[in-house]
């Protein structure tokens, strides 16, 4: 499964000159945790997150008894608080690698870029949505992928909790890797096993 298979698009973006209030409104309106920051050509130049937006943005309520410690005016524009070094992915990036990057660097979203232009975004929710795919949906998608490949259209498929089992009815080990790759490219697939049909099934 690759980024292009599950990424959210079209992408809601913000500009570096947008106000923090505008960016906060965008994230709040769409329920996002982050948004790519782009220039006039849609090229990725940064990313803004919920954490960036709320950091130093809310003054203490006088009733709390806490003295305001700000020495200067708080930031007002996206370019003052955005992260400029963005960990991005390409449409062909393996989702397993994206998940590893998210966990390692505590990221909630990874922009997807092609020729430097933002074409999508993969969030933790997108990854979870893929994992949560219904077994029937996964089976139908795997079946559709196999049907497009000559010689695999008659290979039975079963799915249980995201684990795909493909049965080779003709004893063609050379095609096992192809069948496995097609299944692994299907969103929701957690593992793939290719087995050869039992002899009595072959002659049934």
Protein backbone atom coordinates (compact mmCIF):
# COMPACT_ATOMS: atom_id res chain seq x y z
CA UNK A 1 0.00 0.00 0.00
CA UNK A 2 1.42 3.34 -1.05
CA UNK A 3 0.72 6.94 -0.09
CA UNK A 4 -1.18 7.54 -3.30
CA UNK A 5 -3.60 4.73 -2.43
CA UNK A 6 -4.88 6.31 0.78
CA UNK A 7 -3.90 9.99 0.84
CA UNK A 8 -6.55 12.63 1.36
CA UNK A 9 -7.14 14.96 -1.58
CA UNK A 10 -7.73 17.63 -2.62
CA UNK A 11 -5.57 19.11 0.11
CA UNK A 12 -6.63 22.05 2.23
CA UNK A 13 -3.59 24.32 2.48
CA UNK A 14 -2.68 27.68 3.97
CA UNK A 15 -0.29 30.43 2.87
CA UNK A 16 2.70 31.68 4.80
CA UNK A 17 1.23 35.17 5.00
CA UNK A 18 -2.10 33.96 6.42
CA UNK A 19 -2.87 35.00 9.95
CA UNK A 20 -2.75 32.48 12.77
CA UNK A 21 -6.45 33.09 13.28
CA UNK A 22 -7.14 32.17 9.64
CA UNK A 23 -5.04 29.00 9.85
CA UNK A 24 -6.71 28.01 13.12
CA UNK A 25 -10.09 28.50 11.48
CA UNK A 26 -9.11 26.24 8.57
CA UNK A 27 -8.01 23.41 10.86
CA UNK A 28 -11.00 23.79 13.15
CA UNK A 29 -13.50 23.92 10.28
CA UNK A 30 -12.19 20.77 8.62
CA UNK A 31 -11.21 18.85 11.74
CA UNK A 32 -7.56 18.63 10.67
CA UNK A 33 -4.52 18.43 12.93
CA UNK A 34 -2.15 19.96 10.36
CA UNK A 35 -2.12 21.76 7.03
CA UNK A 36 0.66 22.17 4.44
CA UNK A 37 1.87 25.71 3.78
CA UNK A 38 2.34 26.42 0.07
CA UNK A 39 3.45 29.24 -2.20
CA UNK A 40 1.68 30.66 -5.28
CA UNK A 41 2.56 27.56 -7.33
CA UNK A 42 1.42 25.04 -4.75
CA UNK A 43 5.00 24.19 -3.80
CA UNK A 44 5.42 22.96 -0.23
CA UNK A 45 7.29 25.47 1.93
CA UNK A 46 6.20 24.41 5.42
CA UNK A 47 3.55 22.85 7.60
CA UNK A 48 1.39 24.23 10.39
CA UNK A 49 0.01 22.06 13.19
CA UNK A 50 -2.43 22.40 16.04
CA UNK A 51 0.51 22.51 18.44
CA UNK A 52 2.08 25.39 16.50
CA UNK A 53 -1.17 27.34 16.58
CA UNK A 54 -1.93 27.04 20.28
CA UNK A 55 1.65 27.58 21.49
CA UNK A 56 1.84 31.03 23.12
CA UNK A 57 -1.42 32.00 21.41
CA UNK A 58 -3.74 32.01 24.42
CA UNK A 59 -3.11 34.58 27.16
CA UNK A 60 -3.65 33.72 30.79
CA UNK A 61 -7.04 34.63 32.20
CA UNK A 62 -6.54 37.32 34.90
CA UNK A 63 -8.82 35.29 37.18
CA UNK A 64 -6.23 32.51 37.31
CA UNK A 65 -3.84 34.73 39.24
CA UNK A 66 -1.03 34.06 36.77
CA UNK A 67 0.91 37.10 35.62
CA UNK A 68 1.20 37.44 31.85
CA UNK A 69 4.83 36.63 31.05
CA UNK A 70 4.87 37.80 27.43
CA UNK A 71 7.61 40.34 26.88
CA UNK A 72 6.52 41.17 23.34
CA UNK A 73 3.51 40.80 21.08
CA UNK A 74 2.64 37.18 20.31
CA UNK A 75 3.12 35.89 16.73
CA UNK A 76 0.30 36.70 14.33
CA UNK A 77 1.29 35.14 10.98
CA UNK A 78 1.77 31.55 9.82
CA UNK A 79 5.34 32.21 8.64
CA UNK A 80 6.32 33.09 12.22
CA UNK A 81 5.41 29.70 13.65
CA UNK A 82 5.31 27.16 10.81
CA UNK A 83 7.78 24.29 10.56
CA UNK A 84 9.94 24.87 7.49
CA UNK A 85 11.76 21.53 7.39
CA UNK A 86 8.91 19.22 6.44
CA UNK A 87 9.04 15.43 6.28
CA UNK A 88 7.15 14.75 3.06
CA UNK A 89 6.43 11.67 0.97
CA UNK A 90 5.95 10.86 -2.71
CA UNK A 91 2.79 9.15 -4.02
CA UNK A 92 4.78 5.91 -4.35
CA UNK A 93 6.13 5.98 -0.78
CA UNK A 94 5.33 2.79 1.14
CA UNK A 95 2.72 3.46 3.84
CA UNK A 96 4.70 1.26 6.22
CA UNK A 97 7.57 3.76 5.93
CA UNK A 98 5.18 6.67 6.49
CA UNK A 99 3.78 5.04 9.62
CA UNK A 100 7.32 4.46 10.91
CA UNK A 101 8.21 8.10 10.25
CA UNK A 102 5.09 9.32 12.04
CA UNK A 103 5.82 7.24 15.12
CA UNK A 104 9.53 8.05 15.20
CA UNK A 105 9.05 11.80 14.88
CA UNK A 106 5.64 12.12 16.56
CA UNK A 107 3.94 13.39 13.41
CA UNK A 108 0.22 13.36 12.78
CA UNK A 109 0.35 14.17 9.07
CA UNK A 110 2.80 13.82 6.17
CA UNK A 111 2.27 15.91 3.00
CA UNK A 112 2.53 14.06 -0.30
CA UNK A 113 4.38 15.93 -3.02
CA UNK A 114 5.09 15.38 -6.69
CA UNK A 115 7.59 17.66 -8.42
CA UNK A 116 7.60 19.66 -5.15
CA UNK A 117 3.87 20.41 -5.50
CA UNK A 118 1.50 19.19 -2.79
CA UNK A 119 -0.87 16.58 -4.24
CA UNK A 120 -2.20 15.00 -1.07
CA UNK A 121 -1.64 14.38 2.62
CA UNK A 122 -1.49 11.22 4.69
CA UNK A 123 -2.72 11.50 8.25
CA UNK A 124 -2.86 8.99 11.06
CA UNK A 125 -6.58 8.86 10.40
CA UNK A 126 -5.93 7.85 6.78
CA UNK A 127 -3.72 4.99 7.97
CA UNK A 128 -6.33 3.93 10.51
CA UNK A 129 -9.03 4.06 7.85
CA UNK A 130 -6.98 1.67 5.73
CA UNK A 131 -6.51 -0.74 8.63
CA UNK A 132 -10.24 -0.63 9.38
CA UNK A 133 -11.36 -1.64 5.88
CA UNK A 134 -14.04 -4.30 5.98
CA UNK A 135 -12.87 -7.79 4.98
CA UNK A 136 -15.48 -7.94 2.21
CA UNK A 137 -14.18 -4.68 0.74
CA UNK A 138 -10.59 -5.92 0.93
CA UNK A 139 -11.52 -9.19 -0.74
CA UNK A 140 -13.35 -7.41 -3.54
CA UNK A 141 -10.39 -5.08 -4.11
CA UNK A 142 -7.89 -7.94 -4.13
CA UNK A 143 -10.17 -9.88 -6.44
CA UNK A 144 -10.35 -6.90 -8.80
CA UNK A 145 -6.55 -6.57 -8.82
CA UNK A 146 -6.06 -10.26 -9.57
CA UNK A 147 -8.67 -10.19 -12.32
CA UNK A 148 -6.61 -7.61 -14.16
CA UNK A 149 -3.67 -9.99 -14.35
CA UNK A 150 -3.90 -12.79 -16.89
CA UNK A 151 -3.73 -16.20 -15.25
CA UNK A 152 -4.74 -15.03 -11.77
CA UNK A 153 -8.41 -14.36 -12.45
CA UNK A 154 -9.43 -17.82 -11.21
CA UNK A 155 -7.37 -17.81 -8.00
CA UNK A 156 -9.72 -17.92 -4.96
CA UNK A 157 -9.34 -15.23 -2.30
CA UNK A 158 -10.41 -15.22 1.35
CA UNK A 159 -9.88 -12.52 3.99
CA UNK A 160 -10.08 -12.65 7.77
CA UNK A 161 -9.22 -9.61 9.93
CA UNK A 162 -7.19 -8.14 7.09
CA UNK A 163 -5.20 -11.34 6.53
CA UNK A 164 -5.50 -12.34 2.88
CA UNK A 165 -5.18 -15.94 1.71
CA UNK A 166 -4.88 -16.57 -2.01
CA UNK A 167 -5.14 -20.09 -3.35
CA UNK A 168 -3.12 -21.13 -6.38
CA UNK A 169 -5.35 -23.71 -8.14
CA UNK A 170 -2.87 -24.63 -10.87
CA UNK A 171 0.44 -25.02 -9.05
CA UNK A 172 2.24 -21.99 -10.50
CA UNK A 173 4.83 -20.91 -7.87
CA UNK A 174 6.30 -18.38 -10.32
CA UNK A 175 3.11 -16.30 -10.03
CA UNK A 176 2.96 -16.34 -6.22
CA UNK A 177 5.04 -13.19 -5.82
CA UNK A 178 2.85 -11.35 -8.32
CA UNK A 179 -0.33 -12.36 -6.49
CA UNK A 180 1.20 -11.42 -3.14
CA UNK A 181 2.32 -8.01 -4.45
CA UNK A 182 -1.12 -7.25 -5.86
CA UNK A 183 -2.75 -8.11 -2.53
CA UNK A 184 -0.26 -6.10 -0.49
CA UNK A 185 -1.03 -3.06 -2.67
CA UNK A 186 -4.65 -3.22 -1.50
CA UNK A 187 -5.63 -0.85 1.35
CA UNK A 188 -6.55 -2.75 4.50
CA UNK A 189 -4.38 -5.78 3.77
CA UNK A 190 -2.28 -6.65 6.82
CA UNK A 191 -0.60 -9.81 5.57
CA UNK A 192 -0.77 -12.13 2.57
CA UNK A 193 -0.40 -15.88 2.27
CA UNK A 194 -0.39 -17.71 -1.05
CA UNK A 195 -1.08 -21.44 -0.82
CA UNK A 196 -1.39 -24.17 -3.40
CA UNK A 197 -4.72 -25.98 -3.66
CA UNK A 198 -4.90 -29.41 -2.11
CA UNK A 199 -4.75 -32.23 -4.70
CA UNK A 200 -8.31 -33.37 -4.00
CA UNK A 201 -9.53 -29.83 -4.67
CA UNK A 202 -7.72 -29.72 -7.98
CA UNK A 203 -9.63 -32.77 -9.19
CA UNK A 204 -12.97 -31.93 -7.58
